[in-house]
Amino acid sequence: MAALTETLREFDEADGWHGAGFRSIGHWADIHLGVASSDANRVAHAASRLPELPQLRAAFAEGAVSLDKVLAVARVATAATDARFTHMARAASVAQLQRICAEYRRATARDTAEEHEARRRRREVSARPVDDGLVRIVALLETDEAAIVLSALDCTRRGGMARRTAGTRRATARPGDAPS
């Protein structure tokens, strides 16, 4: 995985994926490698950070740190914190490391106009039908926006349940029964 990640980084830096309507290295990898574009974009971003994180890069190359751990650490580590995060990556589980990195990112986040704009650009909602006719909705929202969406879904679910329950009562009621 380390060798593949390094090759992907070199290919991205050389702009090898540009042309023929490709929107990103992830889009190119989706078509030519059969790798989901979101996964390839995450790997390419992490790979682009590895030259400035030599200890993490070495641990990854020797197989001491997995790709999932590299993806988590590359989002937050700097040259100054490389050794500390690499040590944590070697010792922690993937889930533990992801929580540590998420908390570190929140604790060190700068509230600049650029950071605010970057957060705004990351917000998204997508909907995709699944095999059984249901629809999978995935959303990345600010906390207050998520609360509104979850509340609306809860109200809709409760309203739908009430309508189904009332419809069931009507269907099972006998003539002459008092309405409920």
N, C-alpha and C. Protein backbone atom coordinates (compact mmCIF):
# COMPACT_ATOMS: atom_id res chain seq x y z
N MET A 1 0.83 -1.20 0.00
CA MET A 1 0.00 0.00 0.00
C MET A 1 0.87 1.25 0.00
N ALA A 2 1.99 1.21 0.71
CA ALA A 2 2.87 2.37 0.75
C ALA A 2 3.44 2.67 -0.64
N ALA A 3 3.82 1.62 -1.34
CA ALA A 3 4.38 1.80 -2.69
C ALA A 3 3.30 2.34 -3.64
N LEU A 4 2.10 1.81 -3.54
CA LEU A 4 1.01 2.29 -4.39
C LEU A 4 0.68 3.74 -4.06
N THR A 5 0.67 4.08 -2.79
CA THR A 5 0.40 5.45 -2.36
C THR A 5 1.47 6.40 -2.90
N GLU A 6 2.72 5.98 -2.83
CA GLU A 6 3.82 6.79 -3.33
C GLU A 6 3.69 6.99 -4.84
N THR A 7 3.34 5.94 -5.56
CA THR A 7 3.16 6.03 -7.00
C THR A 7 2.00 6.96 -7.35
N LEU A 8 0.93 6.87 -6.59
CA LEU A 8 -0.22 7.75 -6.81
C LEU A 8 0.17 9.21 -6.57
N ARG A 9 0.98 9.46 -5.53
CA ARG A 9 1.45 10.82 -5.25
C ARG A 9 2.28 11.36 -6.41
N GLU A 10 3.21 10.54 -6.90
CA GLU A 10 4.07 10.97 -8.02
C GLU A 10 3.24 11.24 -9.27
N PHE A 11 2.26 10.37 -9.53
CA PHE A 11 1.39 10.53 -10.69
C PHE A 11 0.58 11.82 -10.58
N ASP A 12 0.08 12.10 -9.37
CA ASP A 12 -0.69 13.31 -9.14
C ASP A 12 0.19 14.55 -9.29
N GLU A 13 1.39 14.54 -8.73
CA GLU A 13 2.29 15.68 -8.84
C GLU A 13 2.71 15.95 -10.28
N ALA A 14 2.80 14.89 -11.09
CA ALA A 14 3.17 15.04 -12.49
C ALA A 14 1.96 15.40 -13.36
N ASP A 15 0.79 15.56 -12.72
CA ASP A 15 -0.46 15.86 -13.43
C ASP A 15 -0.78 14.80 -14.49
N GLY A 16 -0.41 13.56 -14.19
CA GLY A 16 -0.63 12.47 -15.13
C GLY A 16 -2.09 12.17 -15.41
N TRP A 17 -2.96 12.55 -14.51
CA TRP A 17 -4.39 12.24 -14.67
C TRP A 17 -5.14 13.31 -15.46
N HIS A 18 -4.54 14.46 -15.69
CA HIS A 18 -5.23 15.57 -16.39
C HIS A 18 -5.57 15.20 -17.83
N GLY A 19 -6.67 15.72 -18.30
CA GLY A 19 -7.07 15.53 -19.69
C GLY A 19 -8.28 14.63 -19.81
N ALA A 20 -8.83 14.59 -20.97
CA ALA A 20 -9.97 13.73 -21.32
C ALA A 20 -11.15 13.90 -20.36
N GLY A 21 -11.31 15.09 -19.78
CA GLY A 21 -12.47 15.38 -18.95
C GLY A 21 -12.39 14.91 -17.51
N PHE A 22 -11.23 14.45 -17.05
CA PHE A 22 -11.12 14.01 -15.67
C PHE A 22 -11.15 15.21 -14.74
N ARG A 23 -11.95 15.11 -13.67
CA ARG A 23 -12.12 16.21 -12.73
C ARG A 23 -11.10 16.18 -11.59
N SER A 24 -10.57 15.01 -11.32
CA SER A 24 -9.63 14.87 -10.20
C SER A 24 -8.87 13.56 -10.38
N ILE A 25 -7.86 13.38 -9.56
CA ILE A 25 -7.15 12.10 -9.59
C ILE A 25 -8.09 10.98 -9.15
N GLY A 26 -9.02 11.30 -8.26
CA GLY A 26 -10.00 10.30 -7.84
C GLY A 26 -10.88 9.87 -8.99
N HIS A 27 -11.32 10.81 -9.79
CA HIS A 27 -12.13 10.50 -10.97
C HIS A 27 -11.35 9.60 -11.92
N TRP A 28 -10.08 9.94 -12.15
CA TRP A 28 -9.22 9.13 -13.01
C TRP A 28 -9.06 7.72 -12.44
N ALA A 29 -8.81 7.62 -11.13
CA ALA A 29 -8.60 6.31 -10.49
C ALA A 29 -9.88 5.48 -10.53
N ASP A 30 -11.02 6.12 -10.42
CA ASP A 30 -12.29 5.41 -10.50
C ASP A 30 -12.42 4.71 -11.85
N ILE A 31 -12.09 5.42 -12.90
CA ILE A 31 -12.24 4.87 -14.24
C ILE A 31 -11.13 3.88 -14.59
N HIS A 32 -9.88 4.23 -14.27
CA HIS A 32 -8.75 3.40 -14.71
C HIS A 32 -8.30 2.33 -13.73
N LEU A 33 -8.58 2.51 -12.43
CA LEU A 33 -8.12 1.55 -11.44
C LEU A 33 -9.25 0.82 -10.73
N GLY A 34 -10.47 1.30 -10.93
CA GLY A 34 -11.60 0.68 -10.24
C GLY A 34 -11.62 1.00 -8.75
N VAL A 35 -11.02 2.13 -8.37
CA VAL A 35 -10.99 2.58 -6.98
C VAL A 35 -11.99 3.72 -6.85
N ALA A 36 -12.80 3.69 -5.82
CA ALA A 36 -13.79 4.76 -5.62
C ALA A 36 -13.08 6.10 -5.60
N SER A 37 -13.66 7.08 -6.29
CA SER A 37 -13.01 8.38 -6.41
C SER A 37 -12.78 9.03 -5.05
N SER A 38 -13.71 8.90 -4.13
CA SER A 38 -13.52 9.51 -2.81
C SER A 38 -12.33 8.88 -2.09
N ASP A 39 -12.18 7.56 -2.21
CA ASP A 39 -11.03 6.88 -1.59
C ASP A 39 -9.72 7.32 -2.23
N ALA A 40 -9.70 7.37 -3.55
CA ALA A 40 -8.47 7.77 -4.25
C ALA A 40 -8.10 9.22 -3.93
N ASN A 41 -9.08 10.10 -3.84
CA ASN A 41 -8.80 11.49 -3.49
C ASN A 41 -8.21 11.59 -2.08
N ARG A 42 -8.76 10.81 -1.13
CA ARG A 42 -8.24 10.82 0.24
C ARG A 42 -6.81 10.29 0.28
N VAL A 43 -6.55 9.22 -0.46
CA VAL A 43 -5.19 8.66 -0.50
C VAL A 43 -4.23 9.65 -1.15
N ALA A 44 -4.65 10.28 -2.23
CA ALA A 44 -3.79 11.25 -2.91
C ALA A 44 -3.48 12.43 -2.01
N HIS A 45 -4.46 12.89 -1.25
CA HIS A 45 -4.21 14.00 -0.33
C HIS A 45 -3.22 13.57 0.76
N ALA A 46 -3.44 12.41 1.35
CA ALA A 46 -2.52 11.92 2.39
C ALA A 46 -1.13 11.73 1.81
N ALA A 47 -1.05 11.18 0.61
CA ALA A 47 0.25 10.95 -0.04
C ALA A 47 0.98 12.26 -0.27
N SER A 48 0.25 13.31 -0.61
CA SER A 48 0.89 14.61 -0.84
C SER A 48 1.49 15.18 0.44
N ARG A 49 0.99 14.76 1.58
CA ARG A 49 1.50 15.23 2.88
C ARG A 49 2.72 14.44 3.36
N LEU A 50 2.91 13.21 2.87
CA LEU A 50 3.97 12.34 3.39
C LEU A 50 5.39 12.90 3.26
N PRO A 51 5.74 13.63 2.19
CA PRO A 51 7.10 14.17 2.15
C PRO A 51 7.45 15.08 3.33
N GLU A 52 6.46 15.75 3.90
CA GLU A 52 6.73 16.61 5.06
C GLU A 52 6.58 15.87 6.39
N LEU A 53 6.24 14.58 6.32
CA LEU A 53 6.08 13.74 7.51
C LEU A 53 6.98 12.50 7.38
N PRO A 54 8.30 12.67 7.45
CA PRO A 54 9.21 11.57 7.15
C PRO A 54 9.10 10.36 8.08
N GLN A 55 8.78 10.58 9.35
CA GLN A 55 8.66 9.43 10.26
C GLN A 55 7.41 8.61 9.96
N LEU A 56 6.33 9.30 9.67
CA LEU A 56 5.10 8.59 9.29
C LEU A 56 5.31 7.85 7.98
N ARG A 57 5.97 8.50 7.05
CA ARG A 57 6.25 7.89 5.75
C ARG A 57 7.08 6.62 5.90
N ALA A 58 8.11 6.66 6.76
CA ALA A 58 8.97 5.50 6.99
C ALA A 58 8.20 4.38 7.68
N ALA A 59 7.38 4.71 8.67
CA ALA A 59 6.59 3.69 9.37
C ALA A 59 5.60 3.04 8.41
N PHE A 60 5.04 3.80 7.51
CA PHE A 60 4.11 3.27 6.51
C PHE A 60 4.86 2.35 5.55
N ALA A 61 6.02 2.79 5.10
CA ALA A 61 6.81 1.99 4.15
C ALA A 61 7.25 0.67 4.75
N GLU A 62 7.54 0.65 6.05
CA GLU A 62 7.98 -0.60 6.68
C GLU A 62 6.81 -1.48 7.12
N GLY A 63 5.60 -0.98 6.95
CA GLY A 63 4.41 -1.77 7.29
C GLY A 63 4.00 -1.66 8.75
N ALA A 64 4.60 -0.75 9.49
CA ALA A 64 4.28 -0.59 10.91
C ALA A 64 3.00 0.23 11.12
N VAL A 65 2.59 0.97 10.09
CA VAL A 65 1.40 1.82 10.16
C VAL A 65 0.57 1.54 8.91
N SER A 66 -0.73 1.35 9.10
CA SER A 66 -1.63 1.03 7.99
C SER A 66 -2.03 2.27 7.21
N LEU A 67 -2.63 2.05 6.05
CA LEU A 67 -3.13 3.16 5.24
C LEU A 67 -4.19 3.93 6.00
N ASP A 68 -5.09 3.26 6.71
CA ASP A 68 -6.12 3.96 7.48
C ASP A 68 -5.51 4.89 8.51
N LYS A 69 -4.43 4.47 9.13
CA LYS A 69 -3.76 5.32 10.12
C LYS A 69 -3.08 6.50 9.43
N VAL A 70 -2.48 6.26 8.28
CA VAL A 70 -1.85 7.35 7.52
C VAL A 70 -2.90 8.38 7.12
N LEU A 71 -4.06 7.92 6.68
CA LEU A 71 -5.13 8.83 6.28
C LEU A 71 -5.56 9.72 7.45
N ALA A 72 -5.64 9.14 8.64
CA ALA A 72 -6.04 9.91 9.82
C ALA A 72 -4.97 10.92 10.21
N VAL A 73 -3.72 10.47 10.29
CA VAL A 73 -2.64 11.33 10.76
C VAL A 73 -2.30 12.43 9.76
N ALA A 74 -2.32 12.11 8.48
CA ALA A 74 -1.93 13.09 7.46
C ALA A 74 -2.83 14.31 7.45
N ARG A 75 -4.02 14.19 7.97
CA ARG A 75 -4.94 15.34 8.01
C ARG A 75 -4.55 16.35 9.07
N VAL A 76 -3.79 15.92 10.10
CA VAL A 76 -3.52 16.83 11.22
C VAL A 76 -2.05 17.05 11.53
N ALA A 77 -1.20 16.11 11.20
CA ALA A 77 0.21 16.20 11.59
C ALA A 77 0.95 17.26 10.80
N THR A 78 1.97 17.80 11.42
CA THR A 78 2.88 18.74 10.78
C THR A 78 4.29 18.19 10.95
N ALA A 79 5.26 18.84 10.34
CA ALA A 79 6.65 18.41 10.52
C ALA A 79 7.01 18.42 12.01
N ALA A 80 6.49 19.38 12.75
CA ALA A 80 6.80 19.50 14.18
C ALA A 80 6.13 18.40 15.02
N THR A 81 5.00 17.88 14.56
CA THR A 81 4.28 16.85 15.33
C THR A 81 4.40 15.46 14.73
N ASP A 82 5.19 15.32 13.68
CA ASP A 82 5.35 14.04 12.97
C ASP A 82 5.73 12.91 13.92
N ALA A 83 6.75 13.10 14.73
CA ALA A 83 7.22 12.03 15.62
C ALA A 83 6.14 11.63 16.61
N ARG A 84 5.46 12.60 17.20
CA ARG A 84 4.42 12.31 18.19
C ARG A 84 3.27 11.53 17.56
N PHE A 85 2.79 11.99 16.40
CA PHE A 85 1.67 11.30 15.76
C PHE A 85 2.08 9.92 15.23
N THR A 86 3.30 9.79 14.76
CA THR A 86 3.76 8.48 14.29
C THR A 86 3.82 7.51 15.47
N HIS A 87 4.29 7.96 16.61
CA HIS A 87 4.31 7.11 17.81
C HIS A 87 2.89 6.67 18.17
N MET A 88 1.94 7.62 18.16
CA MET A 88 0.54 7.27 18.45
C MET A 88 0.00 6.30 17.41
N ALA A 89 0.33 6.51 16.14
CA ALA A 89 -0.16 5.64 15.07
C ALA A 89 0.34 4.21 15.25
N ARG A 90 1.56 4.07 15.73
CA ARG A 90 2.10 2.73 15.98
C ARG A 90 1.41 2.05 17.16
N ALA A 91 0.99 2.82 18.15
CA ALA A 91 0.47 2.24 19.39
C ALA A 91 -1.05 2.11 19.44
N ALA A 92 -1.77 3.00 18.79
CA ALA A 92 -3.23 3.04 18.90
C ALA A 92 -3.90 2.18 17.84
N SER A 93 -5.14 1.82 18.12
CA SER A 93 -5.97 1.17 17.10
C SER A 93 -6.38 2.25 16.10
N VAL A 94 -6.92 1.84 14.97
CA VAL A 94 -7.38 2.80 13.97
C VAL A 94 -8.47 3.68 14.57
N ALA A 95 -9.44 3.08 15.25
CA ALA A 95 -10.54 3.85 15.83
C ALA A 95 -10.03 4.84 16.87
N GLN A 96 -9.11 4.41 17.73
CA GLN A 96 -8.55 5.32 18.73
C GLN A 96 -7.83 6.47 18.05
N LEU A 97 -7.02 6.16 17.05
CA LEU A 97 -6.24 7.19 16.36
C LEU A 97 -7.16 8.18 15.64
N GLN A 98 -8.22 7.70 15.04
CA GLN A 98 -9.16 8.60 14.37
C GLN A 98 -9.80 9.56 15.37
N ARG A 99 -10.15 9.06 16.56
CA ARG A 99 -10.72 9.93 17.60
C ARG A 99 -9.69 10.95 18.07
N ILE A 100 -8.46 10.50 18.29
CA ILE A 100 -7.39 11.41 18.73
C ILE A 100 -7.18 12.51 17.70
N CYS A 101 -7.09 12.14 16.43
CA CYS A 101 -6.85 13.12 15.37
C CYS A 101 -8.02 14.08 15.22
N ALA A 102 -9.25 13.58 15.35
CA ALA A 102 -10.42 14.44 15.25
C ALA A 102 -10.43 15.45 16.40
N GLU A 103 -10.14 15.01 17.60
CA GLU A 103 -10.10 15.92 18.75
C GLU A 103 -8.96 16.92 18.61
N TYR A 104 -7.83 16.47 18.13
CA TYR A 104 -6.70 17.38 17.92
C TYR A 104 -7.06 18.45 16.89
N ARG A 105 -7.71 18.03 15.82
CA ARG A 105 -8.11 18.97 14.78
C ARG A 105 -9.08 20.01 15.34
N ARG A 106 -10.04 19.56 16.16
CA ARG A 106 -10.99 20.50 16.76
C ARG A 106 -10.29 21.45 17.72
N ALA A 107 -9.37 20.93 18.51
CA ALA A 107 -8.68 21.74 19.51
C ALA A 107 -7.76 22.78 18.89
N THR A 108 -7.21 22.47 17.73
CA THR A 108 -6.23 23.37 17.12
C THR A 108 -6.80 24.15 15.94
N ALA A 109 -8.08 24.01 15.69
CA ALA A 109 -8.70 24.69 14.54
C ALA A 109 -8.62 26.19 14.71
N ARG A 110 -8.23 26.84 13.65
CA ARG A 110 -8.21 28.31 13.63
C ARG A 110 -9.54 28.78 13.05
N ASP A 111 -10.04 29.84 13.59
CA ASP A 111 -11.32 30.36 13.12
C ASP A 111 -11.08 31.54 12.18
N THR A 112 -10.38 31.26 11.08
CA THR A 112 -10.10 32.30 10.09
C THR A 112 -11.15 32.25 8.99
N ALA A 113 -11.17 33.26 8.18
CA ALA A 113 -12.10 33.29 7.04
C ALA A 113 -11.83 32.12 6.10
N GLU A 114 -10.54 31.79 5.91
CA GLU A 114 -10.19 30.67 5.03
C GLU A 114 -10.68 29.34 5.60
N GLU A 115 -10.52 29.15 6.91
CA GLU A 115 -10.99 27.93 7.55
C GLU A 115 -12.51 27.84 7.47
N HIS A 116 -13.18 28.95 7.68
CA HIS A 116 -14.63 28.96 7.59
C HIS A 116 -15.08 28.59 6.18
N GLU A 117 -14.43 29.14 5.18
CA GLU A 117 -14.76 28.84 3.78
C GLU A 117 -14.47 27.37 3.47
N ALA A 118 -13.37 26.84 3.98
CA ALA A 118 -13.05 25.43 3.75
C ALA A 118 -14.12 24.54 4.36
N ARG A 119 -14.59 24.87 5.56
CA ARG A 119 -15.67 24.09 6.18
C ARG A 119 -16.94 24.20 5.34
N ARG A 120 -17.25 25.40 4.86
CA ARG A 120 -18.46 25.59 4.05
C ARG A 120 -18.40 24.72 2.79
N ARG A 121 -17.22 24.66 2.15
CA ARG A 121 -17.08 23.87 0.92
C ARG A 121 -17.21 22.37 1.19
N ARG A 122 -16.86 21.93 2.37
CA ARG A 122 -16.94 20.50 2.69
C ARG A 122 -18.37 20.04 2.93
N ARG A 123 -19.27 20.98 3.26
CA ARG A 123 -20.66 20.60 3.54
C ARG A 123 -21.28 20.00 2.28
N GLU A 124 -22.02 18.92 2.46
CA GLU A 124 -22.67 18.30 1.31
C GLU A 124 -23.77 17.37 1.77
N VAL A 125 -24.68 17.13 0.87
CA VAL A 125 -25.74 16.14 1.06
C VAL A 125 -25.83 15.35 -0.23
N SER A 126 -25.84 14.04 -0.11
CA SER A 126 -26.00 13.20 -1.29
C SER A 126 -27.06 12.16 -1.02
N ALA A 127 -27.74 11.75 -2.06
CA ALA A 127 -28.77 10.72 -1.96
C ALA A 127 -28.54 9.71 -3.07
N ARG A 128 -28.64 8.43 -2.69
CA ARG A 128 -28.37 7.37 -3.66
C ARG A 128 -29.35 6.23 -3.41
N PRO A 129 -30.04 5.78 -4.48
CA PRO A 129 -30.94 4.64 -4.28
C PRO A 129 -30.14 3.37 -4.01
N VAL A 130 -30.71 2.52 -3.17
CA VAL A 130 -30.10 1.22 -2.89
C VAL A 130 -30.97 0.14 -3.50
N ASP A 131 -30.48 -1.08 -3.49
CA ASP A 131 -31.11 -2.18 -4.23
C ASP A 131 -32.58 -2.42 -3.90
N ASP A 132 -33.00 -2.23 -2.65
CA ASP A 132 -34.36 -2.59 -2.28
C ASP A 132 -35.38 -1.46 -2.43
N GLY A 133 -35.00 -0.38 -3.14
CA GLY A 133 -35.92 0.72 -3.39
C GLY A 133 -35.85 1.83 -2.37
N LEU A 134 -35.10 1.63 -1.31
CA LEU A 134 -34.90 2.71 -0.35
C LEU A 134 -33.84 3.66 -0.88
N VAL A 135 -33.64 4.78 -0.20
CA VAL A 135 -32.66 5.77 -0.60
C VAL A 135 -31.71 6.02 0.57
N ARG A 136 -30.43 5.95 0.31
CA ARG A 136 -29.42 6.25 1.33
C ARG A 136 -29.07 7.74 1.20
N ILE A 137 -29.21 8.46 2.31
CA ILE A 137 -28.87 9.88 2.36
C ILE A 137 -27.65 10.04 3.25
N VAL A 138 -26.64 10.71 2.73
CA VAL A 138 -25.42 10.99 3.49
C VAL A 138 -25.24 12.49 3.52
N ALA A 139 -25.00 13.03 4.70
CA ALA A 139 -24.86 14.48 4.83
C ALA A 139 -23.66 14.82 5.72
N LEU A 140 -22.94 15.84 5.33
CA LEU A 140 -21.88 16.41 6.14
C LEU A 140 -22.28 17.87 6.36
N LEU A 141 -22.72 18.17 7.59
CA LEU A 141 -23.32 19.46 7.90
C LEU A 141 -22.73 20.05 9.18
N GLU A 142 -22.92 21.34 9.35
CA GLU A 142 -22.60 21.97 10.62
C GLU A 142 -23.55 21.40 11.68
N THR A 143 -23.17 21.48 12.94
CA THR A 143 -23.95 20.89 14.01
C THR A 143 -25.38 21.43 14.04
N ASP A 144 -25.55 22.75 13.90
CA ASP A 144 -26.90 23.32 13.95
C ASP A 144 -27.74 22.89 12.75
N GLU A 145 -27.12 22.77 11.60
CA GLU A 145 -27.85 22.30 10.41
C GLU A 145 -28.26 20.84 10.59
N ALA A 146 -27.36 20.04 11.11
CA ALA A 146 -27.66 18.62 11.34
C ALA A 146 -28.82 18.47 12.32
N ALA A 147 -28.87 19.31 13.35
CA ALA A 147 -29.96 19.24 14.32
C ALA A 147 -31.30 19.51 13.65
N ILE A 148 -31.33 20.46 12.73
CA ILE A 148 -32.57 20.79 12.01
C ILE A 148 -33.00 19.61 11.13
N VAL A 149 -32.05 19.06 10.40
CA VAL A 149 -32.36 17.93 9.51
C VAL A 149 -32.84 16.73 10.32
N LEU A 150 -32.15 16.41 11.40
CA LEU A 150 -32.54 15.27 12.23
C LEU A 150 -33.91 15.48 12.86
N SER A 151 -34.19 16.71 13.27
CA SER A 151 -35.50 17.02 13.84
C SER A 151 -36.59 16.85 12.79
N ALA A 152 -36.34 17.35 11.58
CA ALA A 152 -37.32 17.21 10.49
C ALA A 152 -37.56 15.74 10.17
N LEU A 153 -36.49 14.96 10.12
CA LEU A 153 -36.65 13.53 9.84
C LEU A 153 -37.43 12.84 10.96
N ASP A 154 -37.15 13.22 12.20
CA ASP A 154 -37.87 12.63 13.32
C ASP A 154 -39.35 12.98 13.26
N CYS A 155 -39.66 14.25 12.97
CA CYS A 155 -41.07 14.67 12.84
C CYS A 155 -41.76 13.92 11.70
N THR A 156 -41.06 13.79 10.60
CA THR A 156 -41.63 13.07 9.45
C THR A 156 -41.86 11.61 9.80
N ARG A 157 -40.89 11.01 10.46
CA ARG A 157 -41.03 9.60 10.85
C ARG A 157 -42.20 9.44 11.81
N ARG A 158 -42.29 10.29 12.81
CA ARG A 158 -43.39 10.19 13.77
C ARG A 158 -44.73 10.46 13.09
N GLY A 159 -44.77 11.43 12.19
CA GLY A 159 -46.01 11.72 11.46
C GLY A 159 -46.39 10.56 10.57
N GLY A 160 -45.44 9.96 9.92
CA GLY A 160 -45.69 8.80 9.07
C GLY A 160 -46.18 7.62 9.88
N MET A 161 -45.60 7.45 11.08
CA MET A 161 -46.03 6.35 11.95
C MET A 161 -47.46 6.58 12.41
N ALA A 162 -47.79 7.84 12.75
CA ALA A 162 -49.14 8.16 13.21
C ALA A 162 -50.14 7.91 12.09
N ARG A 163 -49.81 8.32 10.86
CA ARG A 163 -50.71 8.07 9.74
C ARG A 163 -50.89 6.58 9.50
N ARG A 164 -49.78 5.82 9.55
CA ARG A 164 -49.90 4.37 9.34
C ARG A 164 -50.71 3.73 10.45
N THR A 165 -50.49 4.17 11.69
CA THR A 165 -51.23 3.61 12.81
C THR A 165 -52.71 3.93 12.68
N ALA A 166 -53.05 5.18 12.33
CA ALA A 166 -54.45 5.57 12.15
C ALA A 166 -55.07 4.78 11.01
N GLY A 167 -54.34 4.60 9.93
CA GLY A 167 -54.84 3.82 8.80
C GLY A 167 -55.08 2.38 9.18
N THR A 168 -54.23 1.85 10.01
CA THR A 168 -54.38 0.46 10.47
C THR A 168 -55.62 0.35 11.34
N ARG A 169 -55.83 1.34 12.22
CA ARG A 169 -57.02 1.30 13.08
C ARG A 169 -58.28 1.35 12.24
N ARG A 170 -58.30 2.24 11.22
CA ARG A 170 -59.47 2.35 10.37
C ARG A 170 -59.72 1.05 9.63
N ALA A 171 -58.67 0.44 9.18
CA ALA A 171 -58.83 -0.79 8.40
C ALA A 171 -59.36 -1.92 9.25
N THR A 172 -59.05 -1.91 10.55
CA THR A 172 -59.50 -3.02 11.40
C THR A 172 -60.78 -2.70 12.15
N ALA A 173 -61.27 -1.45 12.04
CA ALA A 173 -62.49 -1.07 12.75
C ALA A 173 -63.69 -1.74 12.09
N ARG A 174 -64.67 -2.12 12.95
CA ARG A 174 -65.90 -2.72 12.43
C ARG A 174 -66.97 -1.64 12.33
N PRO A 175 -67.93 -1.83 11.44
CA PRO A 175 -69.01 -0.86 11.34
C PRO A 175 -69.67 -0.67 12.69
N GLY A 176 -69.95 0.60 13.02
CA GLY A 176 -70.61 0.89 14.30
C GLY A 176 -69.63 1.20 15.40
N ASP A 177 -68.29 0.90 15.21
CA ASP A 177 -67.30 1.27 16.24
C ASP A 177 -67.19 2.78 16.30
N ALA A 178 -66.94 3.29 17.52
CA ALA A 178 -66.72 4.72 17.67
C ALA A 178 -65.39 5.08 17.06
N PRO A 179 -65.33 6.25 16.38
CA PRO A 179 -64.05 6.66 15.79
C PRO A 179 -63.02 6.92 16.90
N SER A 180 -61.76 6.62 16.61
CA SER A 180 -60.72 6.84 17.62
C SER A 180 -60.08 8.17 17.47
